[in-house]
Amino acid sequence: MARILAIDYGLKRTGLAVTDELQIIASGLTTVETSDLISFLKEYTAKESVELFLVGEPKQMDNTASESEKLIIPFLKQLETEFPNIPIKRVDERFTSKMAFQTMIDSGLKKNQRRNKALVDEISATLILQSYLYSK
């Protein structure tokens, strides 16, 4: 089996999470500058087998697309072009940032560590991936 890679796309930074090869465990991978995302994914997929990209889908409470969705659409097109053999699925990402912050509190991180937005993005990607694995 190959890995599933989750992407919590952001304007400045993008959080990434990945499964193990058996697709049982979701783990934070890293956070990258969004401008470097495609090149990072090219390097990663050259070393690791990835069978699916999960991309967070930001939604409003009424289930309509959020404002940031229009920023994600061009990225999705570029992702499809650069990686035509890896399918893309969207996953509702409502509340993942709040849940990530709560996870940081629950795990005992100090206040200055919780200010690390890159860590919040990585945890958010992990939560997106974990919710997908639960739904399978």
C-alpha atoms as a PDB file:
ATOM      1  CA  MET A   1       0.000   0.000   0.000  1.00  0.00           C
ATOM      2  CA  ALA A   2       0.987   3.594  -0.440  1.00  0.00           C
ATOM      3  CA  ARG A   3       0.577   6.565   1.859  1.00  0.00           C
ATOM      4  CA  ILE A   4      -2.240   9.100   1.986  1.00  0.00           C
ATOM      5  CA  LEU A   5      -1.060  12.693   2.252  1.00  0.00           C
ATOM      6  CA  ALA A   6      -3.320  15.367   3.778  1.00  0.00           C
ATOM      7  CA  ILE A   7      -2.960  19.031   2.931  1.00  0.00           C
ATOM      8  CA  ASP A   8      -4.260  21.900   5.069  1.00  0.00           C
ATOM      9  CA  TYR A   9      -3.758  24.607   2.454  1.00  0.00           C
ATOM     10  CA  GLY A  10      -3.117  28.144   3.620  1.00  0.00           C
ATOM     11  CA  LEU A  11      -2.224  31.417   1.975  1.00  0.00           C
ATOM     12  CA  LYS A  12       1.211  31.609   3.674  1.00  0.00           C
ATOM     13  CA  ARG A  13       1.803  28.156   5.145  1.00  0.00           C
ATOM     14  CA  THR A  14       0.451  24.690   4.429  1.00  0.00           C
ATOM     15  CA  GLY A  15       0.264  21.920   6.977  1.00  0.00           C
ATOM     16  CA  LEU A  16       0.953  18.366   5.822  1.00  0.00           C
ATOM     17  CA  ALA A  17       0.194  15.007   7.403  1.00  0.00           C
ATOM     18  CA  VAL A  18       0.715  11.496   6.146  1.00  0.00           C
ATOM     19  CA  THR A  19      -0.315   7.944   6.939  1.00  0.00           C
ATOM     20  CA  ASP A  20       1.958   5.018   7.453  1.00  0.00           C
ATOM     21  CA  GLU A  21       2.157   2.596   4.511  1.00  0.00           C
ATOM     22  CA  LEU A  22      -0.687   0.472   5.934  1.00  0.00           C
ATOM     23  CA  GLN A  23      -2.877   3.596   6.176  1.00  0.00           C
ATOM     24  CA  ILE A  24      -3.616   3.041   9.843  1.00  0.00           C
ATOM     25  CA  ILE A  25      -1.891   5.925  11.609  1.00  0.00           C
ATOM     26  CA  ALA A  26      -2.041   9.628  10.738  1.00  0.00           C
ATOM     27  CA  SER A  27       1.063  11.622  11.661  1.00  0.00           C
ATOM     28  CA  GLY A  28       2.032  15.218  11.166  1.00  0.00           C
ATOM     29  CA  LEU A  29       4.639  15.527   8.440  1.00  0.00           C
ATOM     30  CA  THR A  30       5.634  19.198   8.382  1.00  0.00           C
ATOM     31  CA  THR A  31       4.521  22.705   7.524  1.00  0.00           C
ATOM     32  CA  VAL A  32       5.895  24.319   4.367  1.00  0.00           C
ATOM     33  CA  GLU A  33       5.684  27.760   2.889  1.00  0.00           C
ATOM     34  CA  THR A  34       2.817  27.610   0.405  1.00  0.00           C
ATOM     35  CA  SER A  35       5.046  29.062  -2.313  1.00  0.00           C
ATOM     36  CA  ASP A  36       7.289  25.975  -1.924  1.00  0.00           C
ATOM     37  CA  LEU A  37       4.477  23.431  -1.661  1.00  0.00           C
ATOM     38  CA  ILE A  38       4.521  21.910  -5.160  1.00  0.00           C
ATOM     39  CA  SER A  39       8.305  21.480  -5.143  1.00  0.00           C
ATOM     40  CA  PHE A  40       8.112  19.888  -1.683  1.00  0.00           C
ATOM     41  CA  LEU A  41       5.408  17.486  -2.887  1.00  0.00           C
ATOM     42  CA  LYS A  42       7.492  16.580  -5.949  1.00  0.00           C
ATOM     43  CA  GLU A  43      10.473  15.715  -3.749  1.00  0.00           C
ATOM     44  CA  TYR A  44       8.308  13.799  -1.278  1.00  0.00           C
ATOM     45  CA  THR A  45       6.486  11.747  -3.923  1.00  0.00           C
ATOM     46  CA  ALA A  46       9.804  10.913  -5.572  1.00  0.00           C
ATOM     47  CA  LYS A  47      10.895   9.235  -2.312  1.00  0.00           C
ATOM     48  CA  GLU A  48       7.571   7.917  -0.985  1.00  0.00           C
ATOM     49  CA  SER A  49       4.642   6.242  -2.682  1.00  0.00           C
ATOM     50  CA  VAL A  50       1.497   8.371  -2.293  1.00  0.00           C
ATOM     51  CA  GLU A  51      -1.828   7.017  -3.521  1.00  0.00           C
ATOM     52  CA  LEU A  52      -4.124   9.887  -2.514  1.00  0.00           C
ATOM     53  CA  PHE A  53      -4.015  13.580  -1.716  1.00  0.00           C
ATOM     54  CA  LEU A  54      -6.598  14.763   0.819  1.00  0.00           C
ATOM     55  CA  VAL A  55      -7.166  18.492   0.649  1.00  0.00           C
ATOM     56  CA  GLY A  56      -9.087  20.312   3.349  1.00  0.00           C
ATOM     57  CA  GLU A  57     -12.331  21.889   2.217  1.00  0.00           C
ATOM     58  CA  PRO A  58     -13.175  25.012   4.207  1.00  0.00           C
ATOM     59  CA  LYS A  59     -16.922  25.426   4.694  1.00  0.00           C
ATOM     60  CA  GLN A  60     -19.242  27.816   6.458  1.00  0.00           C
ATOM     61  CA  MET A  61     -21.635  26.588   9.130  1.00  0.00           C
ATOM     62  CA  ASP A  62     -24.438  26.454   6.519  1.00  0.00           C
ATOM     63  CA  ASN A  63     -22.300  24.050   4.445  1.00  0.00           C
ATOM     64  CA  THR A  64     -21.465  26.613   1.744  1.00  0.00           C
ATOM     65  CA  ALA A  65     -17.896  27.192   0.588  1.00  0.00           C
ATOM     66  CA  SER A  66     -15.857  29.583   2.683  1.00  0.00           C
ATOM     67  CA  GLU A  67     -14.067  32.629   1.288  1.00  0.00           C
ATOM     68  CA  SER A  68     -10.724  30.811   1.266  1.00  0.00           C
ATOM     69  CA  GLU A  69     -12.054  28.158  -1.128  1.00  0.00           C
ATOM     70  CA  LYS A  70     -11.376  30.490  -4.079  1.00  0.00           C
ATOM     71  CA  LEU A  71      -7.672  30.444  -3.102  1.00  0.00           C
ATOM     72  CA  ILE A  72      -7.633  26.640  -3.039  1.00  0.00           C
ATOM     73  CA  ILE A  73      -9.178  26.094  -6.502  1.00  0.00           C
ATOM     74  CA  PRO A  74      -6.068  27.229  -8.453  1.00  0.00           C
ATOM     75  CA  PHE A  75      -3.905  25.044  -6.207  1.00  0.00           C
ATOM     76  CA  LEU A  76      -6.142  22.032  -6.919  1.00  0.00           C
ATOM     77  CA  LYS A  77      -5.769  22.593 -10.654  1.00  0.00           C
ATOM     78  CA  GLN A  78      -1.995  22.822 -10.310  1.00  0.00           C
ATOM     79  CA  LEU A  79      -1.955  19.685  -8.135  1.00  0.00           C
ATOM     80  CA  GLU A  80      -3.925  17.770 -10.780  1.00  0.00           C
ATOM     81  CA  THR A  81      -1.549  18.968 -13.512  1.00  0.00           C
ATOM     82  CA  GLU A  82       1.650  18.160 -11.619  1.00  0.00           C
ATOM     83  CA  PHE A  83       0.461  14.811 -10.226  1.00  0.00           C
ATOM     84  CA  PRO A  84      -2.007  13.383 -12.768  1.00  0.00           C
ATOM     85  CA  ASN A  85      -1.695   9.838 -11.382  1.00  0.00           C
ATOM     86  CA  ILE A  86      -2.559  10.722  -7.776  1.00  0.00           C
ATOM     87  CA  PRO A  87      -6.267  11.278  -7.099  1.00  0.00           C
ATOM     88  CA  ILE A  88      -7.449  14.166  -4.939  1.00  0.00           C
ATOM     89  CA  LYS A  89     -10.257  13.998  -2.381  1.00  0.00           C
ATOM     90  CA  ARG A  90     -11.683  16.879  -0.418  1.00  0.00           C
ATOM     91  CA  VAL A  91     -12.414  16.633   3.303  1.00  0.00           C
ATOM     92  CA  ASP A  92     -14.476  19.060   5.381  1.00  0.00           C
ATOM     93  CA  GLU A  93     -12.031  20.978   7.545  1.00  0.00           C
ATOM     94  CA  ARG A  94     -14.456  22.935   9.718  1.00  0.00           C
ATOM     95  CA  PHE A  95     -13.145  23.412  13.254  1.00  0.00           C
ATOM     96  CA  THR A  96      -9.780  21.738  12.602  1.00  0.00           C
ATOM     97  CA  SER A  97      -7.809  24.847  13.636  1.00  0.00           C
ATOM     98  CA  LYS A  98      -9.781  25.120  16.893  1.00  0.00           C
ATOM     99  CA  MET A  99      -9.392  21.401  17.506  1.00  0.00           C
ATOM    100  CA  ALA A 100      -5.658  21.663  16.776  1.00  0.00           C
ATOM    101  CA  PHE A 101      -5.277  24.472  19.293  1.00  0.00           C
ATOM    102  CA  GLN A 102      -7.210  22.461  21.892  1.00  0.00           C
ATOM    103  CA  THR A 103      -4.985  19.460  21.171  1.00  0.00           C
ATOM    104  CA  MET A 104      -1.955  21.635  21.886  1.00  0.00           C
ATOM    105  CA  ILE A 105      -3.455  22.715  25.219  1.00  0.00           C
ATOM    106  CA  ASP A 106      -4.421  19.152  26.121  1.00  0.00           C
ATOM    107  CA  SER A 107      -0.933  17.890  25.353  1.00  0.00           C
ATOM    108  CA  GLY A 108       0.561  20.378  27.801  1.00  0.00           C
ATOM    109  CA  LEU A 109       2.326  22.730  25.389  1.00  0.00           C
ATOM    110  CA  LYS A 110       3.321  26.015  26.960  1.00  0.00           C
ATOM    111  CA  LYS A 111       1.672  29.233  25.820  1.00  0.00           C
ATOM    112  CA  ASN A 112       4.627  30.362  23.681  1.00  0.00           C
ATOM    113  CA  GLN A 113       4.676  26.944  21.947  1.00  0.00           C
ATOM    114  CA  ARG A 114       0.946  27.236  21.195  1.00  0.00           C
ATOM    115  CA  ARG A 115       1.634  30.474  19.303  1.00  0.00           C
ATOM    116  CA  ASN A 116       3.499  28.457  16.670  1.00  0.00           C
ATOM    117  CA  LYS A 117       1.047  28.732  13.762  1.00  0.00           C
ATOM    118  CA  ALA A 118       3.066  26.239  11.711  1.00  0.00           C
ATOM    119  CA  LEU A 119       2.418  23.612  14.370  1.00  0.00           C
ATOM    120  CA  VAL A 120      -1.306  24.440  14.326  1.00  0.00           C
ATOM    121  CA  ASP A 121      -1.322  23.920  10.538  1.00  0.00           C
ATOM    122  CA  GLU A 122       0.452  20.573  10.824  1.00  0.00           C
ATOM    123  CA  ILE A 123      -1.913  19.368  13.555  1.00  0.00           C
ATOM    124  CA  SER A 124      -4.887  20.546  11.471  1.00  0.00           C
ATOM    125  CA  ALA A 125      -3.670  18.450   8.534  1.00  0.00           C
ATOM    126  CA  THR A 126      -3.330  15.486  10.877  1.00  0.00           C
ATOM    127  CA  LEU A 127      -6.910  15.975  12.093  1.00  0.00           C
ATOM    128  CA  ILE A 128      -8.158  16.129   8.487  1.00  0.00           C
ATOM    129  CA  LEU A 129      -6.354  12.885   7.740  1.00  0.00           C
ATOM    130  CA  GLN A 130      -7.527  11.201  10.932  1.00  0.00           C
ATOM    131  CA  SER A 131     -11.168  12.090  10.217  1.00  0.00           C
ATOM    132  CA  TYR A 132     -10.813  10.571   6.747  1.00  0.00           C
ATOM    133  CA  LEU A 133      -9.322   7.374   8.155  1.00  0.00           C
ATOM    134  CA  TYR A 134     -12.178   7.098  10.675  1.00  0.00           C
ATOM    135  CA  SER A 135     -14.733   7.512   7.905  1.00  0.00           C
ATOM    136  CA  LYS A 136     -13.226   4.723   5.772  1.00  0.00           C
END
